[in-house]
Amino acid sequence: MAKFIRNFAEKAPSMVAAAVTYSKPRLATFWHYAKVELVPPTPAEIPTAIQSVKKIIQSAKTGSFKHLTVKEAVLNGLVATEVWMWFYIGEIIGKRGIVGCDV
């Protein structure tokens, strides 16, 4: 056991250095995209979002969504699934658990 601890203590600094070297560029990329994608909408973007929702509702009323290409339909489905999953993640965080609420 002492040999294991000694070997671990000798190798730990190099393993930590390797982990830091490996993680730095990936974290930089993550932060770059997080700063762009995870910001709330600006007041200038809200009217655009409202128009987009109105366009979706109009598309549902007139049936023009039936004329989407498969690629567009799959992309719309993926976006809807992402929004749905973020809603559930928020619910889980709010409940502080996956199952049920403390009532």
N, C-alpha and C. Protein backbone atom coordinates (compact mmCIF):
# COMPACT_ATOMS: atom_id res chain seq x y z
N MET A 1 0.82 -1.19 0.00
CA MET A 1 0.00 0.00 0.00
C MET A 1 0.87 1.26 0.00
N ALA A 2 1.93 1.24 0.76
CA ALA A 2 2.82 2.40 0.83
C ALA A 2 3.47 2.66 -0.54
N LYS A 3 3.78 1.56 -1.26
CA LYS A 3 4.38 1.70 -2.58
C LYS A 3 3.39 2.37 -3.55
N PHE A 4 2.13 1.98 -3.43
CA PHE A 4 1.10 2.57 -4.29
C PHE A 4 0.99 4.07 -4.01
N ILE A 5 0.94 4.43 -2.77
CA ILE A 5 0.81 5.85 -2.40
C ILE A 5 2.02 6.64 -2.87
N ARG A 6 3.21 6.08 -2.71
CA ARG A 6 4.43 6.75 -3.14
C ARG A 6 4.43 6.93 -4.66
N ASN A 7 4.04 5.88 -5.40
CA ASN A 7 3.97 5.98 -6.86
C ASN A 7 2.93 7.02 -7.30
N PHE A 8 1.81 7.01 -6.60
CA PHE A 8 0.77 7.98 -6.93
C PHE A 8 1.25 9.40 -6.65
N ALA A 9 1.90 9.60 -5.54
CA ALA A 9 2.41 10.93 -5.18
C ALA A 9 3.46 11.41 -6.18
N GLU A 10 4.25 10.48 -6.73
CA GLU A 10 5.25 10.85 -7.71
C GLU A 10 4.62 11.21 -9.07
N LYS A 11 3.57 10.47 -9.43
CA LYS A 11 2.97 10.65 -10.74
C LYS A 11 1.87 11.71 -10.76
N ALA A 12 1.33 12.08 -9.61
CA ALA A 12 0.20 13.01 -9.55
C ALA A 12 0.48 14.36 -10.23
N PRO A 13 1.64 15.01 -9.96
CA PRO A 13 1.87 16.31 -10.62
C PRO A 13 1.87 16.21 -12.15
N SER A 14 2.47 15.16 -12.69
CA SER A 14 2.50 15.04 -14.15
C SER A 14 1.11 14.73 -14.70
N MET A 15 0.30 13.95 -13.96
CA MET A 15 -1.06 13.67 -14.41
C MET A 15 -1.93 14.92 -14.37
N VAL A 16 -1.76 15.73 -13.34
CA VAL A 16 -2.52 16.98 -13.24
C VAL A 16 -2.10 17.93 -14.37
N ALA A 17 -0.80 18.01 -14.62
CA ALA A 17 -0.32 18.87 -15.70
C ALA A 17 -0.88 18.42 -17.05
N ALA A 18 -0.91 17.11 -17.27
CA ALA A 18 -1.46 16.59 -18.53
C ALA A 18 -2.96 16.90 -18.63
N ALA A 19 -3.68 16.76 -17.53
CA ALA A 19 -5.12 17.06 -17.54
C ALA A 19 -5.36 18.55 -17.83
N VAL A 20 -4.56 19.42 -17.25
CA VAL A 20 -4.70 20.86 -17.49
C VAL A 20 -4.38 21.18 -18.95
N THR A 21 -3.31 20.59 -19.47
CA THR A 21 -2.93 20.82 -20.86
C THR A 21 -4.02 20.34 -21.81
N TYR A 22 -4.62 19.21 -21.50
CA TYR A 22 -5.69 18.66 -22.32
C TYR A 22 -6.95 19.52 -22.25
N SER A 23 -7.26 20.04 -21.07
CA SER A 23 -8.53 20.73 -20.85
C SER A 23 -8.54 22.19 -21.29
N LYS A 24 -7.42 22.87 -21.26
CA LYS A 24 -7.41 24.30 -21.54
C LYS A 24 -8.02 24.67 -22.89
N PRO A 25 -7.61 24.07 -24.01
CA PRO A 25 -8.22 24.49 -25.29
C PRO A 25 -9.71 24.14 -25.37
N ARG A 26 -10.09 23.02 -24.78
CA ARG A 26 -11.49 22.63 -24.81
C ARG A 26 -12.35 23.56 -23.98
N LEU A 27 -11.86 23.96 -22.83
CA LEU A 27 -12.59 24.91 -22.00
C LEU A 27 -12.67 26.28 -22.66
N ALA A 28 -11.60 26.68 -23.34
CA ALA A 28 -11.62 27.96 -24.05
C ALA A 28 -12.70 27.95 -25.14
N THR A 29 -12.80 26.85 -25.86
CA THR A 29 -13.83 26.73 -26.89
C THR A 29 -15.21 26.75 -26.27
N PHE A 30 -15.38 26.01 -25.17
CA PHE A 30 -16.67 25.98 -24.48
C PHE A 30 -17.07 27.38 -24.04
N TRP A 31 -16.18 28.12 -23.41
CA TRP A 31 -16.51 29.46 -22.91
C TRP A 31 -16.81 30.41 -24.06
N HIS A 32 -16.10 30.25 -25.17
CA HIS A 32 -16.37 31.09 -26.34
C HIS A 32 -17.82 30.93 -26.79
N TYR A 33 -18.25 29.67 -26.96
CA TYR A 33 -19.62 29.43 -27.41
C TYR A 33 -20.64 29.71 -26.32
N ALA A 34 -20.29 29.49 -25.07
CA ALA A 34 -21.22 29.76 -23.98
C ALA A 34 -21.54 31.24 -23.88
N LYS A 35 -20.54 32.09 -24.09
CA LYS A 35 -20.77 33.54 -24.03
C LYS A 35 -21.68 34.00 -25.16
N VAL A 36 -21.67 33.30 -26.28
CA VAL A 36 -22.50 33.70 -27.42
C VAL A 36 -23.89 33.07 -27.34
N GLU A 37 -23.97 31.80 -27.01
CA GLU A 37 -25.22 31.06 -27.11
C GLU A 37 -26.08 31.12 -25.85
N LEU A 38 -25.49 31.31 -24.69
CA LEU A 38 -26.25 31.20 -23.45
C LEU A 38 -26.59 32.55 -22.83
N VAL A 39 -26.58 33.59 -23.61
CA VAL A 39 -26.96 34.90 -23.09
C VAL A 39 -28.46 35.11 -23.31
N PRO A 40 -29.12 35.83 -22.42
CA PRO A 40 -30.54 36.11 -22.64
C PRO A 40 -30.72 37.05 -23.83
N PRO A 41 -31.91 37.05 -24.41
CA PRO A 41 -32.13 37.92 -25.57
C PRO A 41 -32.08 39.39 -25.18
N THR A 42 -31.59 40.19 -26.09
CA THR A 42 -31.58 41.63 -25.87
C THR A 42 -32.97 42.18 -26.20
N PRO A 43 -33.29 43.36 -25.72
CA PRO A 43 -34.60 43.94 -26.05
C PRO A 43 -34.82 44.09 -27.56
N ALA A 44 -33.76 44.27 -28.32
CA ALA A 44 -33.90 44.40 -29.78
C ALA A 44 -34.28 43.06 -30.42
N GLU A 45 -33.96 41.95 -29.80
CA GLU A 45 -34.26 40.63 -30.37
C GLU A 45 -35.67 40.14 -30.05
N ILE A 46 -36.33 40.74 -29.09
CA ILE A 46 -37.65 40.26 -28.67
C ILE A 46 -38.70 40.42 -29.76
N PRO A 47 -38.78 41.56 -30.47
CA PRO A 47 -39.76 41.64 -31.56
C PRO A 47 -39.54 40.59 -32.66
N THR A 48 -38.29 40.27 -32.93
CA THR A 48 -37.99 39.23 -33.92
C THR A 48 -38.52 37.88 -33.46
N ALA A 49 -38.36 37.59 -32.17
CA ALA A 49 -38.85 36.32 -31.62
C ALA A 49 -40.38 36.27 -31.68
N ILE A 50 -41.03 37.38 -31.39
CA ILE A 50 -42.49 37.43 -31.44
C ILE A 50 -42.98 37.19 -32.87
N GLN A 51 -42.31 37.81 -33.84
CA GLN A 51 -42.67 37.60 -35.24
C GLN A 51 -42.47 36.13 -35.64
N SER A 52 -41.42 35.53 -35.13
CA SER A 52 -41.17 34.13 -35.44
C SER A 52 -42.27 33.24 -34.90
N VAL A 53 -42.72 33.51 -33.68
CA VAL A 53 -43.82 32.72 -33.09
C VAL A 53 -45.10 32.94 -33.88
N LYS A 54 -45.37 34.17 -34.28
CA LYS A 54 -46.57 34.45 -35.10
C LYS A 54 -46.51 33.69 -36.42
N LYS A 55 -45.31 33.62 -37.01
CA LYS A 55 -45.13 32.91 -38.28
C LYS A 55 -45.41 31.41 -38.09
N ILE A 56 -44.96 30.85 -36.97
CA ILE A 56 -45.19 29.43 -36.69
C ILE A 56 -46.68 29.17 -36.50
N ILE A 57 -47.37 30.05 -35.78
CA ILE A 57 -48.81 29.88 -35.56
C ILE A 57 -49.55 29.98 -36.89
N GLN A 58 -49.17 30.94 -37.72
CA GLN A 58 -49.81 31.09 -39.03
C GLN A 58 -49.56 29.85 -39.89
N SER A 59 -48.36 29.31 -39.80
CA SER A 59 -48.03 28.10 -40.55
C SER A 59 -48.90 26.93 -40.10
N ALA A 60 -49.16 26.85 -38.80
CA ALA A 60 -50.01 25.78 -38.29
C ALA A 60 -51.46 25.96 -38.74
N LYS A 61 -51.92 27.21 -38.80
CA LYS A 61 -53.30 27.49 -39.22
C LYS A 61 -53.51 27.19 -40.69
N THR A 62 -52.56 27.57 -41.53
CA THR A 62 -52.74 27.41 -42.97
C THR A 62 -52.28 26.04 -43.49
N GLY A 63 -51.51 25.32 -42.70
CA GLY A 63 -51.02 24.02 -43.14
C GLY A 63 -49.79 24.09 -44.01
N SER A 64 -49.13 25.24 -44.06
CA SER A 64 -47.96 25.37 -44.92
C SER A 64 -46.76 24.59 -44.38
N PHE A 65 -46.84 24.12 -43.13
CA PHE A 65 -45.76 23.31 -42.59
C PHE A 65 -45.65 21.98 -43.31
N LYS A 66 -46.68 21.59 -44.03
CA LYS A 66 -46.67 20.33 -44.77
C LYS A 66 -45.71 20.38 -45.95
N HIS A 67 -45.30 21.57 -46.33
CA HIS A 67 -44.43 21.73 -47.49
C HIS A 67 -42.96 21.88 -47.11
N LEU A 68 -42.61 21.55 -45.88
CA LEU A 68 -41.21 21.62 -45.45
C LEU A 68 -40.44 20.46 -46.05
N THR A 69 -39.16 20.66 -46.27
CA THR A 69 -38.31 19.54 -46.68
C THR A 69 -38.04 18.67 -45.45
N VAL A 70 -37.57 17.48 -45.68
CA VAL A 70 -37.28 16.57 -44.58
C VAL A 70 -36.20 17.17 -43.68
N LYS A 71 -35.21 17.80 -44.28
CA LYS A 71 -34.13 18.41 -43.51
C LYS A 71 -34.67 19.51 -42.60
N GLU A 72 -35.54 20.37 -43.13
CA GLU A 72 -36.13 21.45 -42.33
C GLU A 72 -37.00 20.90 -41.21
N ALA A 73 -37.77 19.84 -41.51
CA ALA A 73 -38.64 19.24 -40.50
C ALA A 73 -37.81 18.60 -39.37
N VAL A 74 -36.74 17.92 -39.73
CA VAL A 74 -35.88 17.31 -38.71
C VAL A 74 -35.22 18.39 -37.87
N LEU A 75 -34.76 19.45 -38.50
CA LEU A 75 -34.14 20.54 -37.76
C LEU A 75 -35.13 21.20 -36.80
N ASN A 76 -36.36 21.43 -37.27
CA ASN A 76 -37.38 21.99 -36.39
C ASN A 76 -37.68 21.05 -35.23
N GLY A 77 -37.72 19.77 -35.51
CA GLY A 77 -37.96 18.78 -34.44
C GLY A 77 -36.84 18.78 -33.42
N LEU A 78 -35.60 18.90 -33.88
CA LEU A 78 -34.47 18.92 -32.95
C LEU A 78 -34.49 20.18 -32.07
N VAL A 79 -34.83 21.31 -32.66
CA VAL A 79 -34.92 22.55 -31.88
C VAL A 79 -36.03 22.44 -30.84
N ALA A 80 -37.17 21.90 -31.23
CA ALA A 80 -38.28 21.73 -30.28
C ALA A 80 -37.89 20.77 -29.16
N THR A 81 -37.18 19.70 -29.50
CA THR A 81 -36.73 18.75 -28.48
C THR A 81 -35.75 19.40 -27.53
N GLU A 82 -34.85 20.24 -28.04
CA GLU A 82 -33.90 20.92 -27.18
C GLU A 82 -34.61 21.85 -26.20
N VAL A 83 -35.58 22.60 -26.68
CA VAL A 83 -36.34 23.50 -25.80
C VAL A 83 -37.08 22.69 -24.75
N TRP A 84 -37.67 21.59 -25.17
CA TRP A 84 -38.41 20.72 -24.25
C TRP A 84 -37.48 20.16 -23.18
N MET A 85 -36.30 19.69 -23.55
CA MET A 85 -35.35 19.13 -22.59
C MET A 85 -34.84 20.20 -21.62
N TRP A 86 -34.58 21.42 -22.10
CA TRP A 86 -34.15 22.50 -21.20
C TRP A 86 -35.25 22.81 -20.19
N PHE A 87 -36.52 22.73 -20.62
CA PHE A 87 -37.63 22.93 -19.69
C PHE A 87 -37.58 21.87 -18.59
N TYR A 88 -37.40 20.60 -18.98
CA TYR A 88 -37.36 19.54 -17.98
C TYR A 88 -36.13 19.65 -17.07
N ILE A 89 -35.01 20.05 -17.61
CA ILE A 89 -33.83 20.24 -16.77
C ILE A 89 -34.10 21.34 -15.74
N GLY A 90 -34.76 22.41 -16.15
CA GLY A 90 -35.13 23.47 -15.22
C GLY A 90 -36.08 22.98 -14.16
N GLU A 91 -37.02 22.12 -14.54
CA GLU A 91 -37.93 21.54 -13.56
C GLU A 91 -37.18 20.68 -12.54
N ILE A 92 -36.24 19.88 -13.02
CA ILE A 92 -35.46 19.02 -12.12
C ILE A 92 -34.64 19.86 -11.16
N ILE A 93 -34.03 20.93 -11.67
CA ILE A 93 -33.25 21.81 -10.81
C ILE A 93 -34.17 22.48 -9.80
N GLY A 94 -35.34 22.92 -10.24
CA GLY A 94 -36.28 23.58 -9.34
C GLY A 94 -36.80 22.66 -8.25
N LYS A 95 -37.05 21.40 -8.60
CA LYS A 95 -37.55 20.43 -7.62
C LYS A 95 -36.44 19.87 -6.75
N ARG A 96 -35.20 20.03 -7.22
CA ARG A 96 -34.03 19.45 -6.56
C ARG A 96 -34.12 17.93 -6.48
N GLY A 97 -34.68 17.36 -7.53
CA GLY A 97 -34.77 15.91 -7.61
C GLY A 97 -35.42 15.53 -8.92
N ILE A 98 -35.21 14.28 -9.32
CA ILE A 98 -35.76 13.84 -10.61
C ILE A 98 -37.22 13.41 -10.47
N VAL A 99 -37.58 12.80 -9.35
CA VAL A 99 -38.91 12.24 -9.19
C VAL A 99 -39.67 12.99 -8.12
N GLY A 100 -40.88 13.44 -8.45
CA GLY A 100 -41.80 13.98 -7.48
C GLY A 100 -41.41 15.28 -6.83
N CYS A 101 -42.37 15.82 -6.10
CA CYS A 101 -42.16 17.04 -5.34
C CYS A 101 -42.46 16.76 -3.88
N ASP A 102 -41.78 17.44 -2.97
CA ASP A 102 -42.10 17.33 -1.57
C ASP A 102 -43.32 18.21 -1.31
N VAL A 103 -44.43 17.56 -0.97
CA VAL A 103 -45.66 18.32 -0.75
C VAL A 103 -46.04 18.28 0.71
